[in-house]
PDB file of all heavy atoms in Angstrom:
ATOM      1  N   ASP A   1     -14.216  -2.252  -6.571  1.00  0.00           N
ATOM      2  CA  ASP A   1     -14.838  -2.873  -7.754  1.00  0.00           C
ATOM      3  C   ASP A   1     -13.814  -3.056  -8.904  1.00  0.00           C
ATOM      4  O   ASP A   1     -14.222  -3.329 -10.029  1.00  0.00           O
ATOM      5  CB  ASP A   1     -16.006  -2.032  -8.232  1.00  0.00           C
ATOM      6  CG  ASP A   1     -15.593  -0.714  -8.854  1.00  0.00           C
ATOM      7  OD1 ASP A   1     -14.469  -0.238  -8.503  1.00  0.00           O
ATOM      8  OD2 ASP A   1     -16.342  -0.131  -9.669  1.00  0.00           O
ATOM      9  N   SER A   2     -12.528  -2.901  -8.625  1.00  0.00           N
ATOM     10  CA  SER A   2     -11.524  -3.099  -9.678  1.00  0.00           C
ATOM     11  C   SER A   2     -11.255  -4.613  -9.818  1.00  0.00           C
ATOM     12  O   SER A   2     -11.772  -5.452  -9.088  1.00  0.00           O
ATOM     13  CB  SER A   2     -10.222  -2.378  -9.318  1.00  0.00           C
ATOM     14  OG  SER A   2      -9.630  -2.927  -8.159  1.00  0.00           O
ATOM     15  N   TYR A   3     -10.418  -4.934 -10.797  1.00  0.00           N
ATOM     16  CA  TYR A   3     -10.088  -6.338 -11.052  1.00  0.00           C
ATOM     17  C   TYR A   3      -8.986  -6.847 -10.157  1.00  0.00           C
ATOM     18  O   TYR A   3      -8.581  -8.026 -10.274  1.00  0.00           O
ATOM     19  CB  TYR A   3      -9.669  -6.505 -12.531  1.00  0.00           C
ATOM     20  CG  TYR A   3     -10.770  -6.152 -13.510  1.00  0.00           C
ATOM     21  CD1 TYR A   3     -10.598  -5.176 -14.479  1.00  0.00           C
ATOM     22  CD2 TYR A   3     -11.978  -6.836 -13.467  1.00  0.00           C
ATOM     23  CE1 TYR A   3     -11.583  -4.874 -15.367  1.00  0.00           C
ATOM     24  CE2 TYR A   3     -12.979  -6.528 -14.383  1.00  0.00           C
ATOM     25  CZ  TYR A   3     -12.775  -5.549 -15.318  1.00  0.00           C
ATOM     26  OH  TYR A   3     -13.781  -5.265 -16.215  1.00  0.00           O
ATOM     27  N   LEU A   4      -8.499  -6.024  -9.247  1.00  0.00           N
ATOM     28  CA  LEU A   4      -7.392  -6.415  -8.352  1.00  0.00           C
ATOM     29  C   LEU A   4      -7.903  -7.222  -7.167  1.00  0.00           C
ATOM     30  O   LEU A   4      -9.016  -6.988  -6.685  1.00  0.00           O
ATOM     31  CB  LEU A   4      -6.642  -5.182  -7.857  1.00  0.00           C
ATOM     32  CG  LEU A   4      -5.708  -4.485  -8.855  1.00  0.00           C
ATOM     33  CD1 LEU A   4      -5.180  -3.206  -8.186  1.00  0.00           C
ATOM     34  CD2 LEU A   4      -4.568  -5.336  -9.228  1.00  0.00           C
ATOM     35  N   ASP A   5      -7.021  -8.071  -6.677  1.00  0.00           N
ATOM     36  CA  ASP A   5      -7.193  -8.666  -5.366  1.00  0.00           C
ATOM     37  C   ASP A   5      -6.543  -7.651  -4.392  1.00  0.00           C
ATOM     38  O   ASP A   5      -5.357  -7.774  -4.033  1.00  0.00           O
ATOM     39  CB  ASP A   5      -6.554 -10.024  -5.256  1.00  0.00           C
ATOM     40  CG  ASP A   5      -6.770 -10.688  -3.926  1.00  0.00           C
ATOM     41  OD1 ASP A   5      -7.497 -10.098  -3.086  1.00  0.00           O
ATOM     42  OD2 ASP A   5      -6.225 -11.764  -3.705  1.00  0.00           O
ATOM     43  N   THR A   6      -7.323  -6.671  -3.991  1.00  0.00           N
ATOM     44  CA  THR A   6      -6.787  -5.437  -3.362  1.00  0.00           C
ATOM     45  C   THR A   6      -5.903  -5.745  -2.150  1.00  0.00           C
ATOM     46  O   THR A   6      -4.799  -5.239  -2.033  1.00  0.00           O
ATOM     47  CB  THR A   6      -7.946  -4.525  -2.924  1.00  0.00           C
ATOM     48  OG1 THR A   6      -8.808  -4.323  -4.070  1.00  0.00           O
ATOM     49  CG2 THR A   6      -7.421  -3.188  -2.486  1.00  0.00           C
ATOM     50  N   SER A   7      -6.407  -6.575  -1.252  1.00  0.00           N
ATOM     51  CA  SER A   7      -5.683  -6.837   0.011  1.00  0.00           C
ATOM     52  C   SER A   7      -4.288  -7.410  -0.262  1.00  0.00           C
ATOM     53  O   SER A   7      -3.276  -6.931   0.278  1.00  0.00           O
ATOM     54  CB  SER A   7      -6.467  -7.762   0.903  1.00  0.00           C
ATOM     55  OG  SER A   7      -7.734  -7.186   1.236  1.00  0.00           O
ATOM     56  N   SER A   8      -4.219  -8.461  -1.047  1.00  0.00           N
ATOM     57  CA  SER A   8      -2.940  -9.129  -1.280  1.00  0.00           C
ATOM     58  C   SER A   8      -1.978  -8.258  -2.054  1.00  0.00           C
ATOM     59  O   SER A   8      -0.777  -8.231  -1.816  1.00  0.00           O
ATOM     60  CB  SER A   8      -3.167 -10.453  -1.994  1.00  0.00           C
ATOM     61  OG  SER A   8      -3.783 -10.246  -3.243  1.00  0.00           O
ATOM     62  N   VAL A   9      -2.505  -7.514  -3.076  1.00  0.00           N
ATOM     63  CA  VAL A   9      -1.639  -6.666  -3.884  1.00  0.00           C
ATOM     64  C   VAL A   9      -1.054  -5.540  -3.059  1.00  0.00           C
ATOM     65  O   VAL A   9       0.175  -5.239  -3.153  1.00  0.00           O
ATOM     66  CB  VAL A   9      -2.430  -6.093  -5.092  1.00  0.00           C
ATOM     67  CG1 VAL A   9      -1.640  -4.999  -5.795  1.00  0.00           C
ATOM     68  CG2 VAL A   9      -2.801  -7.190  -6.083  1.00  0.00           C
ATOM     69  N   ILE A  10      -1.847  -4.896  -2.223  1.00  0.00           N
ATOM     70  CA  ILE A  10      -1.362  -3.807  -1.401  1.00  0.00           C
ATOM     71  C   ILE A  10      -0.334  -4.324  -0.405  1.00  0.00           C
ATOM     72  O   ILE A  10       0.743  -3.708  -0.161  1.00  0.00           O
ATOM     73  CB  ILE A  10      -2.523  -3.125  -0.671  1.00  0.00           C
ATOM     74  CG1 ILE A  10      -3.368  -2.319  -1.665  1.00  0.00           C
ATOM     75  CG2 ILE A  10      -2.012  -2.172   0.443  1.00  0.00           C
ATOM     76  CD1 ILE A  10      -4.590  -1.663  -1.072  1.00  0.00           C
ATOM     77  N   ALA A  11      -0.577  -5.476   0.205  1.00  0.00           N
ATOM     78  CA  ALA A  11       0.375  -6.067   1.152  1.00  0.00           C
ATOM     79  C   ALA A  11       1.705  -6.381   0.472  1.00  0.00           C
ATOM     80  O   ALA A  11       2.796  -6.146   1.051  1.00  0.00           O
ATOM     81  CB  ALA A  11      -0.235  -7.316   1.798  1.00  0.00           C
ATOM     82  N   GLU A  12       1.659  -6.916  -0.727  1.00  0.00           N
ATOM     83  CA  GLU A  12       2.864  -7.279  -1.436  1.00  0.00           C
ATOM     84  C   GLU A  12       3.672  -6.022  -1.854  1.00  0.00           C
ATOM     85  O   GLU A  12       4.907  -5.993  -1.675  1.00  0.00           O
ATOM     86  CB  GLU A  12       2.517  -8.083  -2.695  1.00  0.00           C
ATOM     87  CG  GLU A  12       3.733  -8.587  -3.482  1.00  0.00           C
ATOM     88  CD  GLU A  12       4.521  -9.641  -2.716  1.00  0.00           C
ATOM     89  OE1 GLU A  12       3.950 -10.243  -1.779  1.00  0.00           O
ATOM     90  OE2 GLU A  12       5.733  -9.816  -3.032  1.00  0.00           O
ATOM     91  N   LEU A  13       2.973  -4.995  -2.321  1.00  0.00           N
ATOM     92  CA  LEU A  13       3.674  -3.778  -2.742  1.00  0.00           C
ATOM     93  C   LEU A  13       4.260  -3.048  -1.513  1.00  0.00           C
ATOM     94  O   LEU A  13       5.341  -2.491  -1.611  1.00  0.00           O
ATOM     95  CB  LEU A  13       2.716  -2.820  -3.452  1.00  0.00           C
ATOM     96  CG  LEU A  13       2.263  -3.282  -4.827  1.00  0.00           C
ATOM     97  CD1 LEU A  13       1.197  -2.340  -5.411  1.00  0.00           C
ATOM     98  CD2 LEU A  13       3.413  -3.411  -5.789  1.00  0.00           C
ATOM     99  N   HIS A  14       3.573  -3.106  -0.412  1.00  0.00           N
ATOM    100  CA  HIS A  14       4.108  -2.466   0.815  1.00  0.00           C
ATOM    101  C   HIS A  14       5.345  -3.221   1.330  1.00  0.00           C
ATOM    102  O   HIS A  14       6.315  -2.611   1.825  1.00  0.00           O
ATOM    103  CB  HIS A  14       3.009  -2.402   1.890  1.00  0.00           C
ATOM    104  CG  HIS A  14       3.454  -1.717   3.138  1.00  0.00           C
ATOM    105  ND1 HIS A  14       3.699  -2.369   4.288  1.00  0.00           N
ATOM    106  CD2 HIS A  14       3.700  -0.384   3.376  1.00  0.00           C
ATOM    107  CE1 HIS A  14       4.076  -1.515   5.231  1.00  0.00           C
ATOM    108  NE2 HIS A  14       4.086  -0.307   4.709  1.00  0.00           N
ATOM    109  N   LYS A  15       5.319  -4.520   1.204  1.00  0.00           N
ATOM    110  CA  LYS A  15       6.452  -5.354   1.613  1.00  0.00           C
ATOM    111  C   LYS A  15       7.684  -5.037   0.759  1.00  0.00           C
ATOM    112  O   LYS A  15       8.820  -5.011   1.278  1.00  0.00           O
ATOM    113  CB  LYS A  15       6.091  -6.804   1.523  1.00  0.00           C
ATOM    114  CG  LYS A  15       7.178  -7.772   2.007  1.00  0.00           C
ATOM    115  CD  LYS A  15       6.719  -9.223   1.869  1.00  0.00           C
ATOM    116  CE  LYS A  15       7.807 -10.187   2.360  1.00  0.00           C
ATOM    117  NZ  LYS A  15       7.338 -11.596   2.240  1.00  0.00           N
ATOM    118  N   LYS A  16       7.467  -4.783  -0.515  1.00  0.00           N
ATOM    119  CA  LYS A  16       8.557  -4.411  -1.416  1.00  0.00           C
ATOM    120  C   LYS A  16       8.906  -2.930  -1.347  1.00  0.00           C
ATOM    121  O   LYS A  16       9.773  -2.459  -2.127  1.00  0.00           O
ATOM    122  CB  LYS A  16       8.154  -4.799  -2.859  1.00  0.00           C
ATOM    123  CG  LYS A  16       8.024  -6.282  -3.062  1.00  0.00           C
ATOM    124  CD  LYS A  16       7.626  -6.589  -4.505  1.00  0.00           C
ATOM    125  CE  LYS A  16       7.496  -8.066  -4.744  1.00  0.00           C
ATOM    126  NZ  LYS A  16       7.061  -8.375  -6.142  1.00  0.00           N
ATOM    127  N   GLN A  17       8.248  -2.180  -0.472  1.00  0.00           N
ATOM    128  CA  GLN A  17       8.471  -0.742  -0.288  1.00  0.00           C
ATOM    129  C   GLN A  17       8.214   0.094  -1.537  1.00  0.00           C
ATOM    130  O   GLN A  17       8.817   1.123  -1.767  1.00  0.00           O
ATOM    131  CB  GLN A  17       9.939  -0.507   0.195  1.00  0.00           C
ATOM    132  CG  GLN A  17      10.256  -1.153   1.533  1.00  0.00           C
ATOM    133  CD  GLN A  17      11.642  -0.834   2.024  1.00  0.00           C
ATOM    134  OE1 GLN A  17      12.425  -0.209   1.317  1.00  0.00           O
ATOM    135  NE2 GLN A  17      11.940  -1.276   3.222  1.00  0.00           N
ATOM    136  N   ARG A  18       7.295  -0.378  -2.364  1.00  0.00           N
ATOM    137  CA  ARG A  18       6.918   0.367  -3.553  1.00  0.00           C
ATOM    138  C   ARG A  18       5.785   1.373  -3.275  1.00  0.00           C
ATOM    139  O   ARG A  18       5.594   2.285  -4.062  1.00  0.00           O
ATOM    140  CB  ARG A  18       6.514  -0.597  -4.696  1.00  0.00           C
ATOM    141  CG  ARG A  18       7.614  -1.560  -5.086  1.00  0.00           C
ATOM    142  CD  ARG A  18       7.169  -2.406  -6.262  1.00  0.00           C
ATOM    143  NE  ARG A  18       7.011  -1.628  -7.480  1.00  0.00           N
ATOM    144  CZ  ARG A  18       6.548  -2.101  -8.621  1.00  0.00           C
ATOM    145  NH1 ARG A  18       6.213  -3.375  -8.701  1.00  0.00           N
ATOM    146  NH2 ARG A  18       6.428  -1.332  -9.669  1.00  0.00           N
ATOM    147  N   ILE A  19       5.058   1.160  -2.212  1.00  0.00           N
ATOM    148  CA  ILE A  19       4.017   2.087  -1.823  1.00  0.00           C
ATOM    149  C   ILE A  19       4.104   2.331  -0.336  1.00  0.00           C
ATOM    150  O   ILE A  19       4.709   1.570   0.452  1.00  0.00           O
ATOM    151  CB  ILE A  19       2.596   1.558  -2.169  1.00  0.00           C
ATOM    152  CG1 ILE A  19       2.294   0.258  -1.396  1.00  0.00           C
ATOM    153  CG2 ILE A  19       2.425   1.357  -3.667  1.00  0.00           C
ATOM    154  CD1 ILE A  19       0.871  -0.232  -1.558  1.00  0.00           C
ATOM    155  N   LEU A  20       3.498   3.449   0.084  1.00  0.00           N
ATOM    156  CA  LEU A  20       3.373   3.791   1.510  1.00  0.00           C
ATOM    157  C   LEU A  20       1.902   3.645   1.890  1.00  0.00           C
ATOM    158  O   LEU A  20       1.004   3.927   1.089  1.00  0.00           O
ATOM    159  CB  LEU A  20       3.858   5.216   1.781  1.00  0.00           C
ATOM    160  CG  LEU A  20       5.335   5.489   1.370  1.00  0.00           C
ATOM    161  CD1 LEU A  20       5.649   6.956   1.553  1.00  0.00           C
ATOM    162  CD2 LEU A  20       6.274   4.634   2.192  1.00  0.00           C
ATOM    163  N   ILE A  21       1.660   3.299   3.132  1.00  0.00           N
ATOM    164  CA  ILE A  21       0.272   3.030   3.608  1.00  0.00           C
ATOM    165  C   ILE A  21      -0.052   3.905   4.778  1.00  0.00           C
ATOM    166  O   ILE A  21       0.766   4.087   5.688  1.00  0.00           O
ATOM    167  CB  ILE A  21       0.117   1.542   3.987  1.00  0.00           C
ATOM    168  CG1 ILE A  21       0.243   0.648   2.767  1.00  0.00           C
ATOM    169  CG2 ILE A  21      -1.219   1.289   4.663  1.00  0.00           C
ATOM    170  CD1 ILE A  21       0.124  -0.833   3.086  1.00  0.00           C
ATOM    171  N   MET A  22      -1.251   4.484   4.728  1.00  0.00           N
ATOM    172  CA  MET A  22      -1.818   5.146   5.889  1.00  0.00           C
ATOM    173  C   MET A  22      -3.007   4.295   6.374  1.00  0.00           C
ATOM    174  O   MET A  22      -3.962   4.111   5.612  1.00  0.00           O
ATOM    175  CB  MET A  22      -2.273   6.569   5.559  1.00  0.00           C
ATOM    176  CG  MET A  22      -2.894   7.297   6.737  1.00  0.00           C
ATOM    177  SD  MET A  22      -3.528   8.950   6.278  1.00  0.00           S
ATOM    178  CE  MET A  22      -1.999   9.762   5.896  1.00  0.00           C
ATOM    179  N   SER A  23      -2.915   3.774   7.585  1.00  0.00           N
ATOM    180  CA  SER A  23      -3.923   2.865   8.088  1.00  0.00           C
ATOM    181  C   SER A  23      -4.929   3.564   8.969  1.00  0.00           C
ATOM    182  O   SER A  23      -4.700   4.689   9.440  1.00  0.00           O
ATOM    183  CB  SER A  23      -3.250   1.723   8.869  1.00  0.00           C
ATOM    184  OG  SER A  23      -2.308   1.030   8.062  1.00  0.00           O
ATOM    185  N   ASP A  24      -6.068   2.859   9.188  1.00  0.00           N
ATOM    186  CA  ASP A  24      -7.109   3.427  10.061  1.00  0.00           C
ATOM    187  C   ASP A  24      -6.871   2.902  11.498  1.00  0.00           C
ATOM    188  O   ASP A  24      -5.837   2.303  11.757  1.00  0.00           O
ATOM    189  CB  ASP A  24      -8.477   3.066   9.556  1.00  0.00           C
ATOM    190  CG  ASP A  24      -8.688   1.555   9.388  1.00  0.00           C
ATOM    191  OD1 ASP A  24      -7.846   0.804   9.901  1.00  0.00           O
ATOM    192  OD2 ASP A  24      -9.670   1.151   8.758  1.00  0.00           O
ATOM    193  N   LYS A  25      -7.879   3.085  12.351  1.00  0.00           N
ATOM    194  CA  LYS A  25      -7.714   2.650  13.761  1.00  0.00           C
ATOM    195  C   LYS A  25      -7.618   1.165  13.877  1.00  0.00           C
ATOM    196  O   LYS A  25      -7.030   0.652  14.837  1.00  0.00           O
ATOM    197  CB  LYS A  25      -8.905   3.184  14.555  1.00  0.00           C
ATOM    198  CG  LYS A  25      -8.971   4.693  14.651  1.00  0.00           C
ATOM    199  CD  LYS A  25     -10.158   5.151  15.496  1.00  0.00           C
ATOM    200  CE  LYS A  25     -10.214   6.667  15.617  1.00  0.00           C
ATOM    201  NZ  LYS A  25     -11.378   7.099  16.393  1.00  0.00           N
ATOM    202  N   THR A  26      -8.161   0.428  12.935  1.00  0.00           N
ATOM    203  CA  THR A  26      -8.085  -1.031  12.982  1.00  0.00           C
ATOM    204  C   THR A  26      -6.872  -1.576  12.261  1.00  0.00           C
ATOM    205  O   THR A  26      -6.784  -2.764  12.037  1.00  0.00           O
ATOM    206  CB  THR A  26      -9.374  -1.639  12.362  1.00  0.00           C
ATOM    207  OG1 THR A  26      -9.474  -1.226  10.988  1.00  0.00           O
ATOM    208  CG2 THR A  26     -10.617  -1.172  13.124  1.00  0.00           C
ATOM    209  N   LYS A  27      -5.965  -0.664  11.874  1.00  0.00           N
ATOM    210  CA  LYS A  27      -4.692  -1.020  11.220  1.00  0.00           C
ATOM    211  C   LYS A  27      -4.917  -1.614   9.831  1.00  0.00           C
ATOM    212  O   LYS A  27      -4.076  -2.351   9.314  1.00  0.00           O
ATOM    213  CB  LYS A  27      -3.883  -1.980  12.086  1.00  0.00           C
ATOM    214  CG  LYS A  27      -3.433  -1.361  13.389  1.00  0.00           C
ATOM    215  CD  LYS A  27      -2.549  -2.307  14.182  1.00  0.00           C
ATOM    216  CE  LYS A  27      -2.099  -1.686  15.468  1.00  0.00           C
ATOM    217  NZ  LYS A  27      -1.221  -2.586  16.268  1.00  0.00           N
ATOM    218  N   ARG A  28      -6.055  -1.307   9.241  1.00  0.00           N
ATOM    219  CA  ARG A  28      -6.288  -1.689   7.849  1.00  0.00           C
ATOM    220  C   ARG A  28      -5.925  -0.551   6.914  1.00  0.00           C
ATOM    221  O   ARG A  28      -6.153   0.646   7.256  1.00  0.00           O
ATOM    222  CB  ARG A  28      -7.745  -2.075   7.659  1.00  0.00           C
ATOM    223  CG  ARG A  28      -8.155  -3.373   8.350  1.00  0.00           C
ATOM    224  CD  ARG A  28      -9.567  -3.791   7.988  1.00  0.00           C
ATOM    225  NE  ARG A  28     -10.533  -2.728   8.345  1.00  0.00           N
ATOM    226  CZ  ARG A  28     -11.827  -2.846   8.145  1.00  0.00           C
ATOM    227  NH1 ARG A  28     -12.341  -3.926   7.580  1.00  0.00           N
ATOM    228  NH2 ARG A  28     -12.639  -1.869   8.488  1.00  0.00           N
ATOM    229  N   PRO A  29      -5.343  -0.815   5.766  1.00  0.00           N
ATOM    230  CA  PRO A  29      -4.942   0.251   4.818  1.00  0.00           C
ATOM    231  C   PRO A  29      -6.169   1.129   4.444  1.00  0.00           C
ATOM    232  O   PRO A  29      -7.212   0.614   4.032  1.00  0.00           O
ATOM    233  CB  PRO A  29      -4.413  -0.498   3.617  1.00  0.00           C
ATOM    234  CG  PRO A  29      -4.014  -1.807   4.127  1.00  0.00           C
ATOM    235  CD  PRO A  29      -4.980  -2.163   5.242  1.00  0.00           C
ATOM    236  N   ARG A  30      -5.996   2.420   4.604  1.00  0.00           N
ATOM    237  CA  ARG A  30      -7.066   3.364   4.252  1.00  0.00           C
ATOM    238  C   ARG A  30      -6.661   4.195   3.028  1.00  0.00           C
ATOM    239  O   ARG A  30      -7.473   4.406   2.158  1.00  0.00           O
ATOM    240  CB  ARG A  30      -7.389   4.287   5.421  1.00  0.00           C
ATOM    241  CG  ARG A  30      -8.575   5.203   5.166  1.00  0.00           C
ATOM    242  CD  ARG A  30      -8.914   6.005   6.370  1.00  0.00           C
ATOM    243  NE  ARG A  30     -10.048   6.868   6.128  1.00  0.00           N
ATOM    244  CZ  ARG A  30     -10.548   7.732   7.028  1.00  0.00           C
ATOM    245  NH1 ARG A  30      -9.998   7.843   8.219  1.00  0.00           N
ATOM    246  NH2 ARG A  30     -11.565   8.517   6.697  1.00  0.00           N
ATOM    247  N   TYR A  31      -5.432   4.658   2.985  1.00  0.00           N
ATOM    248  CA  TYR A  31      -4.892   5.383   1.845  1.00  0.00           C
ATOM    249  C   TYR A  31      -3.546   4.761   1.468  1.00  0.00           C
ATOM    250  O   TYR A  31      -2.796   4.298   2.334  1.00  0.00           O
ATOM    251  CB  TYR A  31      -4.694   6.886   2.185  1.00  0.00           C
ATOM    252  CG  TYR A  31      -5.970   7.633   2.377  1.00  0.00           C
ATOM    253  CD1 TYR A  31      -6.514   7.800   3.652  1.00  0.00           C
ATOM    254  CD2 TYR A  31      -6.672   8.182   1.295  1.00  0.00           C
ATOM    255  CE1 TYR A  31      -7.669   8.496   3.847  1.00  0.00           C
ATOM    256  CE2 TYR A  31      -7.839   8.871   1.476  1.00  0.00           C
ATOM    257  CZ  TYR A  31      -8.343   9.026   2.757  1.00  0.00           C
ATOM    258  OH  TYR A  31      -9.515   9.721   2.970  1.00  0.00           O
ATOM    259  N   ILE A  32      -3.235   4.811   0.193  1.00  0.00           N
ATOM    260  CA  ILE A  32      -1.920   4.316  -0.279  1.00  0.00           C
ATOM    261  C   ILE A  32      -1.283   5.424  -1.128  1.00  0.00           C
ATOM    262  O   ILE A  32      -1.960   6.206  -1.796  1.00  0.00           O
ATOM    263  CB  ILE A  32      -2.063   3.033  -1.105  1.00  0.00           C
ATOM    264  CG1 ILE A  32      -3.063   3.201  -2.271  1.00  0.00           C
ATOM    265  CG2 ILE A  32      -2.486   1.883  -0.216  1.00  0.00           C
ATOM    266  CD1 ILE A  32      -3.197   1.969  -3.141  1.00  0.00           C
ATOM    267  N   PHE A  33       0.047   5.509  -1.055  1.00  0.00           N
ATOM    268  CA  PHE A  33       0.831   6.555  -1.731  1.00  0.00           C
ATOM    269  C   PHE A  33       1.991   5.895  -2.476  1.00  0.00           C
ATOM    270  O   PHE A  33       2.468   4.814  -2.103  1.00  0.00           O
ATOM    271  CB  PHE A  33       1.379   7.554  -0.734  1.00  0.00           C
ATOM    272  CG  PHE A  33       0.325   8.251   0.111  1.00  0.00           C
ATOM    273  CD1 PHE A  33      -0.160   7.630   1.242  1.00  0.00           C
ATOM    274  CD2 PHE A  33      -0.171   9.490  -0.238  1.00  0.00           C
ATOM    275  CE1 PHE A  33      -1.131   8.229   2.048  1.00  0.00           C
ATOM    276  CE2 PHE A  33      -1.112  10.115   0.538  1.00  0.00           C
ATOM    277  CZ  PHE A  33      -1.607   9.470   1.664  1.00  0.00           C
ATOM    278  N   TYR A  34       2.438   6.608  -3.502  1.00  0.00           N
ATOM    279  CA  TYR A  34       3.615   6.148  -4.233  1.00  0.00           C
ATOM    280  C   TYR A  34       4.852   6.427  -3.438  1.00  0.00           C
ATOM    281  O   TYR A  34       5.019   7.516  -2.870  1.00  0.00           O
ATOM    282  CB  TYR A  34       3.657   6.839  -5.581  1.00  0.00           C
ATOM    283  CG  TYR A  34       4.927   6.552  -6.360  1.00  0.00           C
ATOM    284  CD1 TYR A  34       5.119   5.298  -6.952  1.00  0.00           C
ATOM    285  CD2 TYR A  34       5.953   7.507  -6.534  1.00  0.00           C
ATOM    286  CE1 TYR A  34       6.263   5.010  -7.670  1.00  0.00           C
ATOM    287  CE2 TYR A  34       7.068   7.244  -7.243  1.00  0.00           C
ATOM    288  CZ  TYR A  34       7.241   5.979  -7.788  1.00  0.00           C
ATOM    289  OH  TYR A  34       8.401   5.679  -8.511  1.00  0.00           O
ATOM    290  N   ASN A  35       5.706   5.448  -3.333  1.00  0.00           N
ATOM    291  CA  ASN A  35       6.960   5.598  -2.588  1.00  0.00           C
ATOM    292  C   ASN A  35       8.088   5.861  -3.589  1.00  0.00           C
ATOM    293  O   ASN A  35       8.535   4.968  -4.315  1.00  0.00           O
ATOM    294  CB  ASN A  35       7.279   4.347  -1.776  1.00  0.00           C
ATOM    295  CG  ASN A  35       8.497   4.531  -0.890  1.00  0.00           C
ATOM    296  OD1 ASN A  35       8.917   5.650  -0.609  1.00  0.00           O
ATOM    297  ND2 ASN A  35       9.047   3.417  -0.408  1.00  0.00           N
ATOM    298  N   ASP A  36       8.517   7.112  -3.632  1.00  0.00           N
ATOM    299  CA  ASP A  36       9.558   7.511  -4.604  1.00  0.00           C
ATOM    300  C   ASP A  36      10.925   7.054  -4.061  1.00  0.00           C
ATOM    301  O   ASP A  36      11.496   7.625  -3.143  1.00  0.00           O
ATOM    302  CB  ASP A  36       9.550   9.036  -4.759  1.00  0.00           C
ATOM    303  CG  ASP A  36      10.428   9.494  -5.961  1.00  0.00           C
ATOM    304  OD1 ASP A  36      11.120   8.600  -6.517  1.00  0.00           O
ATOM    305  OD2 ASP A  36      10.362  10.663  -6.292  1.00  0.00           O
ATOM    306  N   MET A  37      11.423   5.986  -4.649  1.00  0.00           N
ATOM    307  CA  MET A  37      12.699   5.431  -4.204  1.00  0.00           C
ATOM    308  C   MET A  37      13.888   6.317  -4.471  1.00  0.00           C
ATOM    309  O   MET A  37      14.971   6.154  -3.903  1.00  0.00           O
ATOM    310  CB  MET A  37      12.921   4.070  -4.859  1.00  0.00           C
ATOM    311  CG  MET A  37      11.826   3.025  -4.539  1.00  0.00           C
ATOM    312  SD  MET A  37      11.607   2.737  -2.765  1.00  0.00           S
ATOM    313  CE  MET A  37      13.164   1.934  -2.403  1.00  0.00           C
ATOM    314  N   ALA A  38      13.695   7.316  -5.385  1.00  0.00           N
ATOM    315  CA  ALA A  38      14.778   8.233  -5.644  1.00  0.00           C
ATOM    316  C   ALA A  38      15.159   9.082  -4.427  1.00  0.00           C
ATOM    317  O   ALA A  38      16.272   9.621  -4.321  1.00  0.00           O
ATOM    318  CB  ALA A  38      14.442   9.158  -6.807  1.00  0.00           C
ATOM    319  N   LEU A  39      14.199   9.207  -3.492  1.00  0.00           N
ATOM    320  CA  LEU A  39      14.468   9.993  -2.286  1.00  0.00           C
ATOM    321  C   LEU A  39      15.136   9.143  -1.214  1.00  0.00           C
ATOM    322  O   LEU A  39      15.513   9.647  -0.167  1.00  0.00           O
ATOM    323  CB  LEU A  39      13.163  10.535  -1.752  1.00  0.00           C
ATOM    324  CG  LEU A  39      12.338  11.437  -2.701  1.00  0.00           C
ATOM    325  CD1 LEU A  39      11.063  11.877  -2.089  1.00  0.00           C
ATOM    326  CD2 LEU A  39      13.197  12.643  -3.112  1.00  0.00           C
ATOM    327  N   GLU A  40      15.257   7.846  -1.462  1.00  0.00           N
ATOM    328  CA  GLU A  40      15.904   6.957  -0.515  1.00  0.00           C
ATOM    329  C   GLU A  40      17.398   6.957  -0.761  1.00  0.00           C
ATOM    330  O   GLU A  40      17.935   6.196  -1.574  1.00  0.00           O
ATOM    331  CB  GLU A  40      15.337   5.545  -0.618  1.00  0.00           C
ATOM    332  CG  GLU A  40      13.880   5.413  -0.255  1.00  0.00           C
ATOM    333  CD  GLU A  40      13.658   5.568   1.241  1.00  0.00           C
ATOM    334  OE1 GLU A  40      14.609   5.315   1.991  1.00  0.00           O
ATOM    335  OE2 GLU A  40      12.543   5.905   1.631  1.00  0.00           O
TER     336      GLU A  40
END
């Protein structure tokens, strides 16, 4: 119910490696995490 276009925003952030994704059995994002680039 947020103002975001959730699917496209999550896909774009994951492509840029800014977030990490945990998917369900259908390979749809279920949880998202912050990707700390300082550890890279």
